[in-house]
Amino acid sequence: MYLSAEKKKEFFTKHGGSEANTGSSEAQIAIFTFRIAHLTGHLKKNRKDYNTQRALMNLVGKRRSLLDYLIKIDVLRYRAIVKELGLRK
């Protein structure tokens, strides 16, 4: 699998603060960004895979919702995660 348990732990420790903090917005945004990049690469090779395209759009929407939530709660955390992951609005 492309997203192993070790990789998830790495994301949670880097963005969530600790391995057990799996619910932080930053950690979830980082996981979603990794999955979006993976699905985008898959869709570049397989143009007609509409199920993957639909899943990708759902992930983008979830990430956008989390980013909107984060900007309402704390602008500095929002700016930090956007800069760290290389996202732009």
PDB file of N, CA and C in Angstrom:
ATOM      1  N   MET A   1       0.842  -1.180   0.000  1.00  0.00           N
ATOM      2  CA  MET A   1       0.000   0.000   0.000  1.00  0.00           C
ATOM      3  C   MET A   1       0.884   1.239   0.000  1.00  0.00           C
ATOM      4  N   TYR A   2       0.445   2.245  -0.650  1.00  0.00           N
ATOM      5  CA  TYR A   2       1.261   3.442  -0.806  1.00  0.00           C
ATOM      6  C   TYR A   2       1.345   4.267   0.480  1.00  0.00           C
ATOM      7  N   LEU A   3       0.393   4.109   1.395  1.00  0.00           N
ATOM      8  CA  LEU A   3       0.398   4.857   2.645  1.00  0.00           C
ATOM      9  C   LEU A   3       0.458   3.856   3.802  1.00  0.00           C
ATOM     10  N   SER A   4       1.659   3.494   4.181  1.00  0.00           N
ATOM     11  CA  SER A   4       1.854   2.482   5.223  1.00  0.00           C
ATOM     12  C   SER A   4       1.662   3.100   6.612  1.00  0.00           C
ATOM     13  N   ALA A   5       1.621   2.259   7.604  1.00  0.00           N
ATOM     14  CA  ALA A   5       1.445   2.717   8.983  1.00  0.00           C
ATOM     15  C   ALA A   5       2.627   3.572   9.434  1.00  0.00           C
ATOM     16  N   GLU A   6       3.827   3.217   8.990  1.00  0.00           N
ATOM     17  CA  GLU A   6       5.009   4.005   9.347  1.00  0.00           C
ATOM     18  C   GLU A   6       4.943   5.402   8.751  1.00  0.00           C
ATOM     19  N   LYS A   7       4.463   5.462   7.516  1.00  0.00           N
ATOM     20  CA  LYS A   7       4.346   6.759   6.845  1.00  0.00           C
ATOM     21  C   LYS A   7       3.317   7.639   7.560  1.00  0.00           C
ATOM     22  N   LYS A   8       2.203   7.034   7.988  1.00  0.00           N
ATOM     23  CA  LYS A   8       1.189   7.784   8.717  1.00  0.00           C
ATOM     24  C   LYS A   8       1.747   8.305  10.040  1.00  0.00           C
ATOM     25  N   LYS A   9       2.491   7.462  10.753  1.00  0.00           N
ATOM     26  CA  LYS A   9       3.092   7.891  12.014  1.00  0.00           C
ATOM     27  C   LYS A   9       4.044   9.055  11.792  1.00  0.00           C
ATOM     28  N   GLU A  10       4.767   9.004  10.699  1.00  0.00           N
ATOM     29  CA  GLU A  10       5.692  10.092  10.362  1.00  0.00           C
ATOM     30  C   GLU A  10       4.923  11.398  10.146  1.00  0.00           C
ATOM     31  N   PHE A  11       3.801  11.337   9.425  1.00  0.00           N
ATOM     32  CA  PHE A  11       2.988  12.534   9.200  1.00  0.00           C
ATOM     33  C   PHE A  11       2.433  13.069  10.521  1.00  0.00           C
ATOM     34  N   PHE A  12       1.963  12.166  11.388  1.00  0.00           N
ATOM     35  CA  PHE A  12       1.361  12.602  12.637  1.00  0.00           C
ATOM     36  C   PHE A  12       2.386  13.213  13.572  1.00  0.00           C
ATOM     37  N   THR A  13       3.588  12.668  13.619  1.00  0.00           N
ATOM     38  CA  THR A  13       4.608  13.252  14.484  1.00  0.00           C
ATOM     39  C   THR A  13       5.107  14.582  13.930  1.00  0.00           C
ATOM     40  N   LYS A  14       5.200  14.688  12.618  1.00  0.00           N
ATOM     41  CA  LYS A  14       5.707  15.920  12.016  1.00  0.00           C
ATOM     42  C   LYS A  14       4.688  17.052  12.080  1.00  0.00           C
ATOM     43  N   HIS A  15       3.426  16.752  11.772  1.00  0.00           N
ATOM     44  CA  HIS A  15       2.424  17.809  11.666  1.00  0.00           C
ATOM     45  C   HIS A  15       1.476  17.874  12.859  1.00  0.00           C
ATOM     46  N   GLY A  16       1.263  16.757  13.534  1.00  0.00           N
ATOM     47  CA  GLY A  16       0.318  16.732  14.636  1.00  0.00           C
ATOM     48  C   GLY A  16       0.939  16.944  15.993  1.00  0.00           C
ATOM     49  N   GLY A  17       2.240  16.870  16.083  1.00  0.00           N
ATOM     50  CA  GLY A  17       2.921  17.043  17.357  1.00  0.00           C
ATOM     51  C   GLY A  17       3.349  15.739  17.976  1.00  0.00           C
ATOM     52  N   SER A  18       2.501  14.728  17.913  1.00  0.00           N
ATOM     53  CA  SER A  18       2.861  13.421  18.438  1.00  0.00           C
ATOM     54  C   SER A  18       2.187  12.349  17.606  1.00  0.00           C
ATOM     55  N   GLU A  19       2.617  11.128  17.830  1.00  0.00           N
ATOM     56  CA  GLU A  19       2.102   9.984  17.086  1.00  0.00           C
ATOM     57  C   GLU A  19       0.636   9.716  17.406  1.00  0.00           C
ATOM     58  N   ALA A  20       0.228  10.040  18.630  1.00  0.00           N
ATOM     59  CA  ALA A  20      -1.138   9.765  19.068  1.00  0.00           C
ATOM     60  C   ALA A  20      -2.118  10.861  18.651  1.00  0.00           C
ATOM     61  N   ASN A  21      -1.622  11.991  18.228  1.00  0.00           N
ATOM     62  CA  ASN A  21      -2.489  13.113  17.863  1.00  0.00           C
ATOM     63  C   ASN A  21      -2.897  12.989  16.398  1.00  0.00           C
ATOM     64  N   THR A  22      -3.797  12.065  16.130  1.00  0.00           N
ATOM     65  CA  THR A  22      -4.198  11.802  14.748  1.00  0.00           C
ATOM     66  C   THR A  22      -5.334  12.696  14.293  1.00  0.00           C
ATOM     67  N   GLY A  23      -5.940  13.435  15.194  1.00  0.00           N
ATOM     68  CA  GLY A  23      -7.099  14.233  14.827  1.00  0.00           C
ATOM     69  C   GLY A  23      -6.802  15.686  14.566  1.00  0.00           C
ATOM     70  N   SER A  24      -5.556  16.108  14.676  1.00  0.00           N
ATOM     71  CA  SER A  24      -5.259  17.521  14.458  1.00  0.00           C
ATOM     72  C   SER A  24      -5.482  17.886  12.991  1.00  0.00           C
ATOM     73  N   SER A  25      -5.911  19.090  12.780  1.00  0.00           N
ATOM     74  CA  SER A  25      -6.217  19.541  11.425  1.00  0.00           C
ATOM     75  C   SER A  25      -4.991  19.503  10.532  1.00  0.00           C
ATOM     76  N   GLU A  26      -3.845  19.900  11.075  1.00  0.00           N
ATOM     77  CA  GLU A  26      -2.631  19.929  10.268  1.00  0.00           C
ATOM     78  C   GLU A  26      -2.234  18.532   9.797  1.00  0.00           C
ATOM     79  N   ALA A  27      -2.363  17.556  10.686  1.00  0.00           N
ATOM     80  CA  ALA A  27      -2.001  16.184  10.317  1.00  0.00           C
ATOM     81  C   ALA A  27      -2.955  15.645   9.251  1.00  0.00           C
ATOM     82  N   GLN A  28      -4.240  15.910   9.409  1.00  0.00           N
ATOM     83  CA  GLN A  28      -5.210  15.444   8.421  1.00  0.00           C
ATOM     84  C   GLN A  28      -4.998  16.115   7.073  1.00  0.00           C
ATOM     85  N   ILE A  29      -4.695  17.405   7.079  1.00  0.00           N
ATOM     86  CA  ILE A  29      -4.427  18.124   5.831  1.00  0.00           C
ATOM     87  C   ILE A  29      -3.194  17.549   5.147  1.00  0.00           C
ATOM     88  N   ALA A  30      -2.163  17.215   5.924  1.00  0.00           N
ATOM     89  CA  ALA A  30      -0.949  16.641   5.346  1.00  0.00           C
ATOM     90  C   ALA A  30      -1.228  15.273   4.728  1.00  0.00           C
ATOM     91  N   ILE A  31      -2.018  14.443   5.401  1.00  0.00           N
ATOM     92  CA  ILE A  31      -2.371  13.124   4.858  1.00  0.00           C
ATOM     93  C   ILE A  31      -3.185  13.287   3.580  1.00  0.00           C
ATOM     94  N   PHE A  32      -4.160  14.183   3.608  1.00  0.00           N
ATOM     95  CA  PHE A  32      -4.982  14.420   2.410  1.00  0.00           C
ATOM     96  C   PHE A  32      -4.123  14.916   1.250  1.00  0.00           C
ATOM     97  N   THR A  33      -3.161  15.777   1.531  1.00  0.00           N
ATOM     98  CA  THR A  33      -2.292  16.302   0.474  1.00  0.00           C
ATOM     99  C   THR A  33      -1.465  15.185  -0.139  1.00  0.00           C
ATOM    100  N   PHE A  34      -0.955  14.279   0.690  1.00  0.00           N
ATOM    101  CA  PHE A  34      -0.189  13.141   0.182  1.00  0.00           C
ATOM    102  C   PHE A  34      -1.062  12.260  -0.699  1.00  0.00           C
ATOM    103  N   ARG A  35      -2.281  11.973  -0.233  1.00  0.00           N
ATOM    104  CA  ARG A  35      -3.192  11.129  -1.012  1.00  0.00           C
ATOM    105  C   ARG A  35      -3.613  11.809  -2.314  1.00  0.00           C
ATOM    106  N   ILE A  36      -3.823  13.125  -2.283  1.00  0.00           N
ATOM    107  CA  ILE A  36      -4.186  13.866  -3.498  1.00  0.00           C
ATOM    108  C   ILE A  36      -3.063  13.800  -4.518  1.00  0.00           C
ATOM    109  N   ALA A  37      -1.833  13.954  -4.058  1.00  0.00           N
ATOM    110  CA  ALA A  37      -0.694  13.867  -4.977  1.00  0.00           C
ATOM    111  C   ALA A  37      -0.596  12.472  -5.589  1.00  0.00           C
ATOM    112  N   HIS A  38      -0.841  11.444  -4.791  1.00  0.00           N
ATOM    113  CA  HIS A  38      -0.786  10.072  -5.297  1.00  0.00           C
ATOM    114  C   HIS A  38      -1.881   9.826  -6.340  1.00  0.00           C
ATOM    115  N   LEU A  39      -3.091  10.258  -6.055  1.00  0.00           N
ATOM    116  CA  LEU A  39      -4.196  10.048  -6.994  1.00  0.00           C
ATOM    117  C   LEU A  39      -4.024  10.880  -8.262  1.00  0.00           C
ATOM    118  N   THR A  40      -3.437  12.046  -8.141  1.00  0.00           N
ATOM    119  CA  THR A  40      -3.185  12.876  -9.321  1.00  0.00           C
ATOM    120  C   THR A  40      -2.200  12.184 -10.255  1.00  0.00           C
ATOM    121  N   GLY A  41      -1.166  11.595  -9.687  1.00  0.00           N
ATOM    122  CA  GLY A  41      -0.213  10.831 -10.506  1.00  0.00           C
ATOM    123  C   GLY A  41      -0.869   9.641 -11.175  1.00  0.00           C
ATOM    124  N   HIS A  42      -1.763   8.973 -10.464  1.00  0.00           N
ATOM    125  CA  HIS A  42      -2.482   7.837 -11.039  1.00  0.00           C
ATOM    126  C   HIS A  42      -3.370   8.293 -12.198  1.00  0.00           C
ATOM    127  N   LEU A  43      -4.030   9.432 -12.018  1.00  0.00           N
ATOM    128  CA  LEU A  43      -4.943   9.908 -13.064  1.00  0.00           C
ATOM    129  C   LEU A  43      -4.204  10.433 -14.294  1.00  0.00           C
ATOM    130  N   LYS A  44      -2.953  10.824 -14.134  1.00  0.00           N
ATOM    131  CA  LYS A  44      -2.176  11.239 -15.302  1.00  0.00           C
ATOM    132  C   LYS A  44      -1.910  10.063 -16.228  1.00  0.00           C
ATOM    133  N   LYS A  45      -1.785   8.867 -15.639  1.00  0.00           N
ATOM    134  CA  LYS A  45      -1.561   7.666 -16.447  1.00  0.00           C
ATOM    135  C   LYS A  45      -2.866   7.029 -16.911  1.00  0.00           C
ATOM    136  N   ASN A  46      -3.919   7.154 -16.097  1.00  0.00           N
ATOM    137  CA  ASN A  46      -5.197   6.495 -16.384  1.00  0.00           C
ATOM    138  C   ASN A  46      -6.294   7.558 -16.467  1.00  0.00           C
ATOM    139  N   ARG A  47      -6.416   8.152 -17.633  1.00  0.00           N
ATOM    140  CA  ARG A  47      -7.329   9.277 -17.804  1.00  0.00           C
ATOM    141  C   ARG A  47      -8.792   8.916 -17.578  1.00  0.00           C
ATOM    142  N   LYS A  48      -9.182   7.727 -17.920  1.00  0.00           N
ATOM    143  CA  LYS A  48     -10.601   7.378 -17.892  1.00  0.00           C
ATOM    144  C   LYS A  48     -11.041   6.678 -16.607  1.00  0.00           C
ATOM    145  N   ASP A  49     -10.234   6.744 -15.585  1.00  0.00           N
ATOM    146  CA  ASP A  49     -10.588   6.136 -14.312  1.00  0.00           C
ATOM    147  C   ASP A  49     -11.476   7.112 -13.539  1.00  0.00           C
ATOM    148  N   TYR A  50     -12.764   7.026 -13.773  1.00  0.00           N
ATOM    149  CA  TYR A  50     -13.700   8.010 -13.227  1.00  0.00           C
ATOM    150  C   TYR A  50     -13.954   7.808 -11.734  1.00  0.00           C
ATOM    151  N   ASN A  51     -13.838   6.585 -11.240  1.00  0.00           N
ATOM    152  CA  ASN A  51     -14.000   6.364  -9.807  1.00  0.00           C
ATOM    153  C   ASN A  51     -12.885   7.032  -9.017  1.00  0.00           C
ATOM    154  N   THR A  52     -11.671   6.943  -9.512  1.00  0.00           N
ATOM    155  CA  THR A  52     -10.555   7.615  -8.857  1.00  0.00           C
ATOM    156  C   THR A  52     -10.704   9.121  -8.962  1.00  0.00           C
ATOM    157  N   GLN A  53     -11.223   9.589 -10.075  1.00  0.00           N
ATOM    158  CA  GLN A  53     -11.438  11.028 -10.260  1.00  0.00           C
ATOM    159  C   GLN A  53     -12.455  11.541  -9.235  1.00  0.00           C
ATOM    160  N   ARG A  54     -13.488  10.764  -9.001  1.00  0.00           N
ATOM    161  CA  ARG A  54     -14.500  11.149  -8.024  1.00  0.00           C
ATOM    162  C   ARG A  54     -13.907  11.144  -6.611  1.00  0.00           C
ATOM    163  N   ALA A  55     -13.115  10.143  -6.294  1.00  0.00           N
ATOM    164  CA  ALA A  55     -12.466  10.081  -4.988  1.00  0.00           C
ATOM    165  C   ALA A  55     -11.516  11.260  -4.787  1.00  0.00           C
ATOM    166  N   LEU A  56     -10.824  11.636  -5.844  1.00  0.00           N
ATOM    167  CA  LEU A  56      -9.915  12.782  -5.775  1.00  0.00           C
ATOM    168  C   LEU A  56     -10.678  14.069  -5.487  1.00  0.00           C
ATOM    169  N   MET A  57     -11.814  14.247  -6.130  1.00  0.00           N
ATOM    170  CA  MET A  57     -12.608  15.451  -5.898  1.00  0.00           C
ATOM    171  C   MET A  57     -13.144  15.483  -4.461  1.00  0.00           C
ATOM    172  N   ASN A  58     -13.519  14.329  -3.923  1.00  0.00           N
ATOM    173  CA  ASN A  58     -13.961  14.273  -2.529  1.00  0.00           C
ATOM    174  C   ASN A  58     -12.834  14.647  -1.571  1.00  0.00           C
ATOM    175  N   LEU A  59     -11.633  14.154  -1.844  1.00  0.00           N
ATOM    176  CA  LEU A  59     -10.493  14.483  -0.987  1.00  0.00           C
ATOM    177  C   LEU A  59     -10.151  15.965  -1.040  1.00  0.00           C
ATOM    178  N   VAL A  60     -10.215  16.541  -2.224  1.00  0.00           N
ATOM    179  CA  VAL A  60      -9.928  17.972  -2.361  1.00  0.00           C
ATOM    180  C   VAL A  60     -10.955  18.783  -1.568  1.00  0.00           C
ATOM    181  N   GLY A  61     -12.212  18.363  -1.627  1.00  0.00           N
ATOM    182  CA  GLY A  61     -13.254  19.052  -0.871  1.00  0.00           C
ATOM    183  C   GLY A  61     -13.061  18.938   0.628  1.00  0.00           C
ATOM    184  N   LYS A  62     -12.669  17.753   1.101  1.00  0.00           N
ATOM    185  CA  LYS A  62     -12.411  17.563   2.531  1.00  0.00           C
ATOM    186  C   LYS A  62     -11.242  18.418   2.990  1.00  0.00           C
ATOM    187  N   ARG A  63     -10.186  18.448   2.174  1.00  0.00           N
ATOM    188  CA  ARG A  63      -9.023  19.264   2.541  1.00  0.00           C
ATOM    189  C   ARG A  63      -9.383  20.736   2.565  1.00  0.00           C
ATOM    190  N   ARG A  64     -10.191  21.156   1.598  1.00  0.00           N
ATOM    191  CA  ARG A  64     -10.617  22.553   1.551  1.00  0.00           C
ATOM    192  C   ARG A  64     -11.440  22.914   2.780  1.00  0.00           C
ATOM    193  N   SER A  65     -12.312  21.995   3.206  1.00  0.00           N
ATOM    194  CA  SER A  65     -13.117  22.235   4.405  1.00  0.00           C
ATOM    195  C   SER A  65     -12.242  22.373   5.643  1.00  0.00           C
ATOM    196  N   LEU A  66     -11.242  21.510   5.763  1.00  0.00           N
ATOM    197  CA  LEU A  66     -10.335  21.604   6.899  1.00  0.00           C
ATOM    198  C   LEU A  66      -9.520  22.895   6.870  1.00  0.00           C
ATOM    199  N   LEU A  67      -9.106  23.310   5.688  1.00  0.00           N
ATOM    200  CA  LEU A  67      -8.364  24.565   5.580  1.00  0.00           C
ATOM    201  C   LEU A  67      -9.246  25.754   5.933  1.00  0.00           C
ATOM    202  N   ASP A  68     -10.508  25.729   5.510  1.00  0.00           N
ATOM    203  CA  ASP A  68     -11.434  26.803   5.873  1.00  0.00           C
ATOM    204  C   ASP A  68     -11.651  26.851   7.383  1.00  0.00           C
ATOM    205  N   TYR A  69     -11.787  25.676   7.997  1.00  0.00           N
ATOM    206  CA  TYR A  69     -11.935  25.603   9.449  1.00  0.00           C
ATOM    207  C   TYR A  69     -10.706  26.172  10.140  1.00  0.00           C
ATOM    208  N   LEU A  70      -9.542  25.805   9.657  1.00  0.00           N
ATOM    209  CA  LEU A  70      -8.293  26.242  10.291  1.00  0.00           C
ATOM    210  C   LEU A  70      -8.094  27.746  10.164  1.00  0.00           C
ATOM    211  N   ILE A  71      -8.507  28.319   9.036  1.00  0.00           N
ATOM    212  CA  ILE A  71      -8.335  29.769   8.879  1.00  0.00           C
ATOM    213  C   ILE A  71      -9.289  30.532   9.789  1.00  0.00           C
ATOM    214  N   LYS A  72     -10.448  29.950  10.096  1.00  0.00           N
ATOM    215  CA  LYS A  72     -11.379  30.592  11.029  1.00  0.00           C
ATOM    216  C   LYS A  72     -10.849  30.526  12.455  1.00  0.00           C
ATOM    217  N   ILE A  73     -10.234  29.399  12.813  1.00  0.00           N
ATOM    218  CA  ILE A  73      -9.781  29.177  14.183  1.00  0.00           C
ATOM    219  C   ILE A  73      -8.471  29.912  14.467  1.00  0.00           C
ATOM    220  N   ASP A  74      -7.467  29.720  13.604  1.00  0.00           N
ATOM    221  CA  ASP A  74      -6.142  30.281  13.863  1.00  0.00           C
ATOM    222  C   ASP A  74      -5.434  30.544  12.537  1.00  0.00           C
ATOM    223  N   VAL A  75      -5.289  31.793  12.190  1.00  0.00           N
ATOM    224  CA  VAL A  75      -4.700  32.171  10.909  1.00  0.00           C
ATOM    225  C   VAL A  75      -3.221  31.803  10.838  1.00  0.00           C
ATOM    226  N   LEU A  76      -2.524  31.906  11.949  1.00  0.00           N
ATOM    227  CA  LEU A  76      -1.095  31.599  11.942  1.00  0.00           C
ATOM    228  C   LEU A  76      -0.841  30.123  11.666  1.00  0.00           C
ATOM    229  N   ARG A  77      -1.646  29.231  12.246  1.00  0.00           N
ATOM    230  CA  ARG A  77      -1.510  27.795  11.962  1.00  0.00           C
ATOM    231  C   ARG A  77      -1.844  27.510  10.502  1.00  0.00           C
ATOM    232  N   TYR A  78      -2.846  28.217   9.974  1.00  0.00           N
ATOM    233  CA  TYR A  78      -3.223  28.051   8.568  1.00  0.00           C
ATOM    234  C   TYR A  78      -2.062  28.443   7.656  1.00  0.00           C
ATOM    235  N   ARG A  79      -1.487  29.591   7.914  1.00  0.00           N
ATOM    236  CA  ARG A  79      -0.366  30.065   7.085  1.00  0.00           C
ATOM    237  C   ARG A  79       0.838  29.129   7.180  1.00  0.00           C
ATOM    238  N   ALA A  80       1.073  28.593   8.371  1.00  0.00           N
ATOM    239  CA  ALA A  80       2.215  27.696   8.557  1.00  0.00           C
ATOM    240  C   ALA A  80       2.029  26.404   7.761  1.00  0.00           C
ATOM    241  N   ILE A  81       0.840  25.817   7.817  1.00  0.00           N
ATOM    242  CA  ILE A  81       0.624  24.544   7.112  1.00  0.00           C
ATOM    243  C   ILE A  81       0.604  24.762   5.597  1.00  0.00           C
ATOM    244  N   VAL A  82       0.064  25.880   5.149  1.00  0.00           N
ATOM    245  CA  VAL A  82       0.045  26.156   3.709  1.00  0.00           C
ATOM    246  C   VAL A  82       1.464  26.352   3.191  1.00  0.00           C
ATOM    247  N   LYS A  83       2.277  27.049   3.960  1.00  0.00           N
ATOM    248  CA  LYS A  83       3.664  27.270   3.550  1.00  0.00           C
ATOM    249  C   LYS A  83       4.469  25.975   3.592  1.00  0.00           C
ATOM    250  N   GLU A  84       4.253  25.179   4.628  1.00  0.00           N
ATOM    251  CA  GLU A  84       5.010  23.948   4.788  1.00  0.00           C
ATOM    252  C   GLU A  84       4.693  22.928   3.709  1.00  0.00           C
ATOM    253  N   LEU A  85       3.414  22.820   3.338  1.00  0.00           N
ATOM    254  CA  LEU A  85       3.017  21.833   2.331  1.00  0.00           C
ATOM    255  C   LEU A  85       3.082  22.377   0.907  1.00  0.00           C
ATOM    256  N   GLY A  86       3.287  23.671   0.772  1.00  0.00           N
ATOM    257  CA  GLY A  86       3.375  24.254  -0.568  1.00  0.00           C
ATOM    258  C   GLY A  86       2.024  24.434  -1.234  1.00  0.00           C
ATOM    259  N   LEU A  87       0.979  24.588  -0.428  1.00  0.00           N
ATOM    260  CA  LEU A  87      -0.349  24.832  -0.970  1.00  0.00           C
ATOM    261  C   LEU A  87      -0.540  26.315  -1.215  1.00  0.00           C
ATOM    262  N   ARG A  88      -1.485  26.626  -2.032  1.00  0.00           N
ATOM    263  CA  ARG A  88      -1.847  28.030  -2.231  1.00  0.00           C
ATOM    264  C   ARG A  88      -3.332  28.105  -2.440  1.00  0.00           C
ATOM    265  N   LYS A  89      -3.894  29.223  -2.068  1.00  0.00           N
ATOM    266  CA  LYS A  89      -5.338  29.385  -2.170  1.00  0.00           C
ATOM    267  C   LYS A  89      -5.730  29.833  -3.542  1.00  0.00           C
TER     268      LYS A  89
END
